[in-house]
Each structure stands twice: as C-alpha cells, then as structure tokens.
C-alpha cells in the first residue's frame, strides 16, 4: 500500500498491487486538542470491538448458524457507547461502505481464506500497513480483523486471542499515528475514494 508519498490534493494515492487505493485528506487536529494515548487506546478498543461485532451481526448465518457473538466474548463490556464513539463508529462504517467494493480488497480476502486465523491476521495486517498508515487502511485493518474472526467462529477459544492480538497491533503500530493526527476525531474529516 502506498505511504505518505501519495497525492495530497485529495486525489487517489498511488498504491501497490493487492492494496486498496485510498484518498487522503490532510489530518485536522481534534477540536479538543490531541488525545492522550490512553484515551486513544480506550476509544480504539471500543471501535474495533464494536465494528467487528456489528459486521458479525449483519453477516448471513449460513445453513448452520452459530450462536451470536457478544461484546463480552470480544473482551469488551456490554454497556452502550457514548456519543463520541457512536459517531466515530458510524464514520468507520461509512468509510468501509465506500471501500468495500474495491476489487483489490477482494483479492486480499482470498489471501486469508482457509489460513490459520492468527497468522492470517498478522500477515494481512503487515501487508495493509507495509508502506504507511492512513484512515482508509485503519478501516481495512478493522475489516480484516472481522473477516478472520468470522472464519474462526467455530473455534470460540480463538476469538479472544484474535481480538487481543488486533488490539496490541492497533496500540503498538497505529496509536502513535492516531495521536499525531490529533486523535480519533480526525477520522471525521477523512473522505475515502469512491473506487
């Protein structure tokens, strides 16, 4: 995937084969100033778990539906999110809606099909961010976390391990970038490509 060297005029970034193209909008500081790392981690954990859970709830149960996954199984609490997290999660879903038709994402989906869950998630996460971070890639990372968890539903003991791994990746690799952007609120100004 392309890094920060892509176009900065709101157009498409250049990208490598197999990586979803995304448009960038320059980061805007959070209206309340930069968020602390602990706040970014807390919001990020809630966003990741909620994004995964909402997609799991929307998926076709198939011929043999499995029991519904709960927020507690994903390591979260069943309490409702505050308005900020709800607004951010809605933004994540809008961004995903515009990126989901990208054929390059479909090819990445094929890469994880049938692979052991944790190595598949680790490999795809590295590929998504191999040459930079932007909000579109963060959303794609959330989506692939969901895809791998959805494939691992028959192994319920594996779900929490996958979520924990994804959160550690988010905290170690992406949180410093999010803080540099001014916090999670800067995603609200991100306009993905219509590709």
C-alpha atoms as a PDB file:
ATOM      1  CA  UNK A   1       0.000   0.000   0.000  1.00  0.00           C
ATOM      2  CA  UNK A   2       1.232   3.436  -0.622  1.00  0.00           C
ATOM      3  CA  UNK A   3       2.635   5.527   2.122  1.00  0.00           C
ATOM      4  CA  UNK A   4       2.588   9.179   2.789  1.00  0.00           C
ATOM      5  CA  UNK A   5       4.136   9.836  -0.615  1.00  0.00           C
ATOM      6  CA  UNK A   6       0.830   9.685  -2.489  1.00  0.00           C
ATOM      7  CA  UNK A   7      -1.060  12.689  -3.831  1.00  0.00           C
ATOM      8  CA  UNK A   8      -2.025  15.228  -1.217  1.00  0.00           C
ATOM      9  CA  UNK A   9      -4.644  17.045  -3.256  1.00  0.00           C
ATOM     10  CA  UNK A  10      -7.487  14.745  -2.231  1.00  0.00           C
ATOM     11  CA  UNK A  11      -6.954  12.501  -5.275  1.00  0.00           C
ATOM     12  CA  UNK A  12      -6.065   8.846  -5.358  1.00  0.00           C
ATOM     13  CA  UNK A  13      -2.831   7.764  -3.809  1.00  0.00           C
ATOM     14  CA  UNK A  14      -0.544   5.578  -5.795  1.00  0.00           C
ATOM     15  CA  UNK A  15      -0.586   2.030  -4.499  1.00  0.00           C
ATOM     16  CA  UNK A  16       0.956  -1.356  -4.946  1.00  0.00           C
ATOM     17  CA  UNK A  17      -0.875  -4.313  -6.427  1.00  0.00           C
ATOM     18  CA  UNK A  18      -3.040  -6.017  -3.851  1.00  0.00           C
ATOM     19  CA  UNK A  19      -3.510  -2.879  -1.760  1.00  0.00           C
ATOM     20  CA  UNK A  20      -6.717  -0.877  -1.730  1.00  0.00           C
ATOM     21  CA  UNK A  21      -6.361   2.635  -3.143  1.00  0.00           C
ATOM     22  CA  UNK A  22      -7.482   5.361  -0.799  1.00  0.00           C
ATOM     23  CA  UNK A  23      -7.805   9.112  -0.978  1.00  0.00           C
ATOM     24  CA  UNK A  24      -6.301  11.248   1.761  1.00  0.00           C
ATOM     25  CA  UNK A  25      -7.463  14.434   3.333  1.00  0.00           C
ATOM     26  CA  UNK A  26      -4.887  16.241   5.436  1.00  0.00           C
ATOM     27  CA  UNK A  27      -5.318  15.487   9.107  1.00  0.00           C
ATOM     28  CA  UNK A  28      -7.152  18.007  11.196  1.00  0.00           C
ATOM     29  CA  UNK A  29      -6.423  18.314  14.884  1.00  0.00           C
ATOM     30  CA  UNK A  30      -9.172  17.218  17.217  1.00  0.00           C
ATOM     31  CA  UNK A  31     -11.363  20.130  18.288  1.00  0.00           C
ATOM     32  CA  UNK A  32     -10.449  19.380  21.897  1.00  0.00           C
ATOM     33  CA  UNK A  33      -6.732  19.083  21.184  1.00  0.00           C
ATOM     34  CA  UNK A  34      -4.608  15.973  20.973  1.00  0.00           C
ATOM     35  CA  UNK A  35      -5.998  12.964  22.788  1.00  0.00           C
ATOM     36  CA  UNK A  36      -3.878  11.120  25.305  1.00  0.00           C
ATOM     37  CA  UNK A  37      -2.529   7.715  24.376  1.00  0.00           C
ATOM     38  CA  UNK A  38      -4.718   6.044  26.999  1.00  0.00           C
ATOM     39  CA  UNK A  39      -7.822   7.756  25.585  1.00  0.00           C
ATOM     40  CA  UNK A  40      -6.866   6.751  22.028  1.00  0.00           C
ATOM     41  CA  UNK A  41      -6.386   3.150  23.169  1.00  0.00           C
ATOM     42  CA  UNK A  42      -9.698   3.078  25.043  1.00  0.00           C
ATOM     43  CA  UNK A  43     -11.653   4.549  22.119  1.00  0.00           C
ATOM     44  CA  UNK A  44      -9.784   2.325  19.644  1.00  0.00           C
ATOM     45  CA  UNK A  45     -10.628  -0.827  21.603  1.00  0.00           C
ATOM     46  CA  UNK A  46     -14.292   0.134  21.706  1.00  0.00           C
ATOM     47  CA  UNK A  47     -14.307   0.997  17.994  1.00  0.00           C
ATOM     48  CA  UNK A  48     -12.573  -2.215  16.918  1.00  0.00           C
ATOM     49  CA  UNK A  49     -14.779  -4.469  19.030  1.00  0.00           C
ATOM     50  CA  UNK A  50     -17.951  -2.635  18.018  1.00  0.00           C
ATOM     51  CA  UNK A  51     -17.040  -2.649  14.319  1.00  0.00           C
ATOM     52  CA  UNK A  52     -16.317  -6.386  14.388  1.00  0.00           C
ATOM     53  CA  UNK A  53     -19.477  -7.130  16.381  1.00  0.00           C
ATOM     54  CA  UNK A  54     -21.731  -5.111  14.078  1.00  0.00           C
ATOM     55  CA  UNK A  55     -20.384  -6.881  10.985  1.00  0.00           C
ATOM     56  CA  UNK A  56     -20.749 -10.276  12.683  1.00  0.00           C
ATOM     57  CA  UNK A  57     -24.371  -9.420  13.454  1.00  0.00           C
ATOM     58  CA  UNK A  58     -25.005  -8.409   9.823  1.00  0.00           C
ATOM     59  CA  UNK A  59     -23.462 -11.469   8.178  1.00  0.00           C
ATOM     60  CA  UNK A  60     -25.549 -14.246   6.689  1.00  0.00           C
ATOM     61  CA  UNK A  61     -25.716 -17.029   9.286  1.00  0.00           C
ATOM     62  CA  UNK A  62     -25.443 -19.737   6.611  1.00  0.00           C
ATOM     63  CA  UNK A  63     -27.010 -23.175   6.750  1.00  0.00           C
ATOM     64  CA  UNK A  64     -25.836 -23.900  10.316  1.00  0.00           C
ATOM     65  CA  UNK A  65     -25.937 -20.630  12.224  1.00  0.00           C
ATOM     66  CA  UNK A  66     -23.612 -20.372  15.168  1.00  0.00           C
ATOM     67  CA  UNK A  67     -24.680 -18.699  18.410  1.00  0.00           C
ATOM     68  CA  UNK A  68     -24.408 -14.906  18.229  1.00  0.00           C
ATOM     69  CA  UNK A  69     -21.134 -13.404  19.393  1.00  0.00           C
ATOM     70  CA  UNK A  70     -21.376 -10.957  22.284  1.00  0.00           C
ATOM     71  CA  UNK A  71     -19.299  -7.912  23.142  1.00  0.00           C
ATOM     72  CA  UNK A  72     -18.104  -9.783  26.237  1.00  0.00           C
ATOM     73  CA  UNK A  73     -16.700 -12.602  24.051  1.00  0.00           C
ATOM     74  CA  UNK A  74     -14.715  -9.929  22.211  1.00  0.00           C
ATOM     75  CA  UNK A  75     -13.306  -8.728  25.534  1.00  0.00           C
ATOM     76  CA  UNK A  76     -15.494  -5.644  25.856  1.00  0.00           C
ATOM     77  CA  UNK A  77     -18.327  -4.583  28.065  1.00  0.00           C
ATOM     78  CA  UNK A  78     -21.977  -4.751  27.133  1.00  0.00           C
ATOM     79  CA  UNK A  79     -22.581  -1.128  28.132  1.00  0.00           C
ATOM     80  CA  UNK A  80     -23.688   1.359  25.458  1.00  0.00           C
ATOM     81  CA  UNK A  81     -21.069   3.616  23.903  1.00  0.00           C
ATOM     82  CA  UNK A  82     -21.059   7.346  24.428  1.00  0.00           C
ATOM     83  CA  UNK A  83     -21.964   9.761  21.625  1.00  0.00           C
ATOM     84  CA  UNK A  84     -18.344  10.260  20.508  1.00  0.00           C
ATOM     85  CA  UNK A  85     -17.701   6.533  19.996  1.00  0.00           C
ATOM     86  CA  UNK A  86     -21.086   6.071  18.313  1.00  0.00           C
ATOM     87  CA  UNK A  87     -20.326   8.907  15.887  1.00  0.00           C
ATOM     88  CA  UNK A  88     -16.842   7.556  15.162  1.00  0.00           C
ATOM     89  CA  UNK A  89     -18.185   4.033  14.602  1.00  0.00           C
ATOM     90  CA  UNK A  90     -20.766   5.363  12.131  1.00  0.00           C
ATOM     91  CA  UNK A  91     -17.927   7.117  10.311  1.00  0.00           C
ATOM     92  CA  UNK A  92     -15.932   3.858  10.181  1.00  0.00           C
ATOM     93  CA  UNK A  93     -18.921   2.123   8.599  1.00  0.00           C
ATOM     94  CA  UNK A  94     -19.377   4.907   6.020  1.00  0.00           C
ATOM     95  CA  UNK A  95     -15.695   4.664   5.090  1.00  0.00           C
ATOM     96  CA  UNK A  96     -15.928   0.881   4.876  1.00  0.00           C
ATOM     97  CA  UNK A  97     -19.049   1.176   2.696  1.00  0.00           C
ATOM     98  CA  UNK A  98     -17.092   3.228   0.160  1.00  0.00           C
ATOM     99  CA  UNK A  99     -14.048   0.922   0.249  1.00  0.00           C
ATOM    100  CA  UNK A 100     -15.886  -2.413   0.305  1.00  0.00           C
ATOM    101  CA  UNK A 101     -16.431  -2.587  -3.449  1.00  0.00           C
ATOM    102  CA  UNK A 102     -12.720  -2.322  -4.180  1.00  0.00           C
ATOM    103  CA  UNK A 103     -11.571  -5.413  -6.121  1.00  0.00           C
ATOM    104  CA  UNK A 104      -8.127  -5.230  -4.511  1.00  0.00           C
ATOM    105  CA  UNK A 105      -9.713  -5.844  -1.116  1.00  0.00           C
ATOM    106  CA  UNK A 106     -11.412  -8.916  -2.561  1.00  0.00           C
ATOM    107  CA  UNK A 107      -8.010 -10.263  -3.582  1.00  0.00           C
ATOM    108  CA  UNK A 108      -6.717  -9.689  -0.050  1.00  0.00           C
ATOM    109  CA  UNK A 109      -9.773 -11.541   1.299  1.00  0.00           C
ATOM    110  CA  UNK A 110      -8.767 -14.546  -0.807  1.00  0.00           C
ATOM    111  CA  UNK A 111      -5.327 -14.484   0.831  1.00  0.00           C
ATOM    112  CA  UNK A 112      -6.795 -15.152   4.296  1.00  0.00           C
ATOM    113  CA  UNK A 113      -9.357 -17.752   3.246  1.00  0.00           C
ATOM    114  CA  UNK A 114      -8.524 -21.142   4.722  1.00  0.00           C
ATOM    115  CA  UNK A 115      -5.415 -19.917   6.553  1.00  0.00           C
ATOM    116  CA  UNK A 116      -4.874 -20.419  10.301  1.00  0.00           C
ATOM    117  CA  UNK A 117      -6.528 -17.394  11.947  1.00  0.00           C
ATOM    118  CA  UNK A 118      -3.724 -15.686  13.855  1.00  0.00           C
ATOM    119  CA  UNK A 119      -1.023 -15.998  11.167  1.00  0.00           C
ATOM    120  CA  UNK A 120      -3.573 -14.826   8.575  1.00  0.00           C
ATOM    121  CA  UNK A 121      -4.424 -11.735  10.618  1.00  0.00           C
ATOM    122  CA  UNK A 122      -0.752 -10.972  11.267  1.00  0.00           C
ATOM    123  CA  UNK A 123       0.159 -11.325   7.587  1.00  0.00           C
ATOM    124  CA  UNK A 124      -2.694  -9.218   6.269  1.00  0.00           C
ATOM    125  CA  UNK A 125      -2.114  -6.529   8.918  1.00  0.00           C
ATOM    126  CA  UNK A 126       1.518  -6.205   7.904  1.00  0.00           C
ATOM    127  CA  UNK A 127       0.522  -6.004   4.222  1.00  0.00           C
ATOM    128  CA  UNK A 128      -2.086  -3.317   4.837  1.00  0.00           C
ATOM    129  CA  UNK A 129       0.396  -1.020   6.599  1.00  0.00           C
ATOM    130  CA  UNK A 130       3.618  -2.036   4.880  1.00  0.00           C
ATOM    131  CA  UNK A 131       4.265   1.392   3.439  1.00  0.00           C
ATOM    132  CA  UNK A 132       2.268   3.779   5.564  1.00  0.00           C
ATOM    133  CA  UNK A 133      -0.825   4.499   7.586  1.00  0.00           C
ATOM    134  CA  UNK A 134      -3.971   6.400   6.695  1.00  0.00           C
ATOM    135  CA  UNK A 135      -7.569   6.218   7.883  1.00  0.00           C
ATOM    136  CA  UNK A 136      -8.667   4.014   4.994  1.00  0.00           C
ATOM    137  CA  UNK A 137      -6.061   1.446   5.957  1.00  0.00           C
ATOM    138  CA  UNK A 138      -7.142   1.565   9.594  1.00  0.00           C
ATOM    139  CA  UNK A 139     -10.689   0.732   8.473  1.00  0.00           C
ATOM    140  CA  UNK A 140      -9.406  -2.055   6.207  1.00  0.00           C
ATOM    141  CA  UNK A 141      -7.463  -3.460   9.195  1.00  0.00           C
ATOM    142  CA  UNK A 142     -10.671  -3.430  11.261  1.00  0.00           C
ATOM    143  CA  UNK A 143     -12.461  -5.201   8.418  1.00  0.00           C
ATOM    144  CA  UNK A 144      -9.841  -7.950   8.145  1.00  0.00           C
ATOM    145  CA  UNK A 145      -9.968  -8.427  11.896  1.00  0.00           C
ATOM    146  CA  UNK A 146     -13.682  -9.092  11.437  1.00  0.00           C
ATOM    147  CA  UNK A 147     -13.080 -11.447   8.475  1.00  0.00           C
ATOM    148  CA  UNK A 148     -10.569 -13.583  10.348  1.00  0.00           C
ATOM    149  CA  UNK A 149     -12.780 -13.708  13.451  1.00  0.00           C
ATOM    150  CA  UNK A 150     -15.789 -14.665  11.300  1.00  0.00           C
ATOM    151  CA  UNK A 151     -13.780 -17.549   9.819  1.00  0.00           C
ATOM    152  CA  UNK A 152     -12.718 -18.642  13.306  1.00  0.00           C
ATOM    153  CA  UNK A 153     -16.195 -18.655  14.871  1.00  0.00           C
ATOM    154  CA  UNK A 154     -16.216 -22.440  15.086  1.00  0.00           C
ATOM    155  CA  UNK A 155     -13.224 -22.126  17.424  1.00  0.00           C
ATOM    156  CA  UNK A 156     -14.650 -19.841  20.090  1.00  0.00           C
ATOM    157  CA  UNK A 157     -11.486 -20.148  22.176  1.00  0.00           C
ATOM    158  CA  UNK A 158      -9.640 -18.407  19.357  1.00  0.00           C
ATOM    159  CA  UNK A 159     -11.837 -15.288  19.145  1.00  0.00           C
ATOM    160  CA  UNK A 160     -10.481 -13.521  22.215  1.00  0.00           C
ATOM    161  CA  UNK A 161      -6.896 -14.285  21.174  1.00  0.00           C
ATOM    162  CA  UNK A 162      -7.540 -12.679  17.781  1.00  0.00           C
ATOM    163  CA  UNK A 163      -9.133  -9.583  19.309  1.00  0.00           C
ATOM    164  CA  UNK A 164      -6.271  -9.231  21.805  1.00  0.00           C
ATOM    165  CA  UNK A 165      -3.704  -9.559  19.008  1.00  0.00           C
ATOM    166  CA  UNK A 166      -5.526  -6.965  16.884  1.00  0.00           C
ATOM    167  CA  UNK A 167      -5.718  -4.551  19.826  1.00  0.00           C
ATOM    168  CA  UNK A 168      -1.994  -4.946  20.557  1.00  0.00           C
ATOM    169  CA  UNK A 169      -1.247  -4.264  16.877  1.00  0.00           C
ATOM    170  CA  UNK A 170      -3.526  -1.219  16.979  1.00  0.00           C
ATOM    171  CA  UNK A 171      -1.894   0.091  20.150  1.00  0.00           C
ATOM    172  CA  UNK A 172       1.714  -0.543  19.123  1.00  0.00           C
ATOM    173  CA  UNK A 173       1.650   0.264  15.424  1.00  0.00           C
ATOM    174  CA  UNK A 174      -1.244   2.665  14.861  1.00  0.00           C
ATOM    175  CA  UNK A 175      -1.879   4.588  18.113  1.00  0.00           C
ATOM    176  CA  UNK A 176       1.194   6.867  17.736  1.00  0.00           C
ATOM    177  CA  UNK A 177      -0.007   7.822  14.245  1.00  0.00           C
ATOM    178  CA  UNK A 178      -3.552   8.484  15.513  1.00  0.00           C
ATOM    179  CA  UNK A 179      -2.179  10.698  18.284  1.00  0.00           C
ATOM    180  CA  UNK A 180      -0.112  12.591  15.705  1.00  0.00           C
ATOM    181  CA  UNK A 181      -3.333  13.198  13.721  1.00  0.00           C
ATOM    182  CA  UNK A 182      -4.932  14.778  16.789  1.00  0.00           C
ATOM    183  CA  UNK A 183      -6.880  11.728  17.935  1.00  0.00           C
ATOM    184  CA  UNK A 184      -9.745   9.629  16.622  1.00  0.00           C
ATOM    185  CA  UNK A 185     -11.903  12.673  15.816  1.00  0.00           C
ATOM    186  CA  UNK A 186      -9.666  13.454  12.836  1.00  0.00           C
ATOM    187  CA  UNK A 187     -11.196  10.457  11.037  1.00  0.00           C
ATOM    188  CA  UNK A 188     -14.371  12.527  10.683  1.00  0.00           C
ATOM    189  CA  UNK A 189     -12.650  14.658   8.014  1.00  0.00           C
ATOM    190  CA  UNK A 190     -11.388  11.640   6.043  1.00  0.00           C
ATOM    191  CA  UNK A 191     -13.001  11.243   2.633  1.00  0.00           C
ATOM    192  CA  UNK A 192     -12.285   7.842   1.067  1.00  0.00           C
ATOM    193  CA  UNK A 193     -12.141   7.365  -2.668  1.00  0.00           C
ATOM    194  CA  UNK A 194     -15.269   6.156  -4.395  1.00  0.00           C
ATOM    195  CA  UNK A 195     -13.302   3.336  -6.068  1.00  0.00           C
END
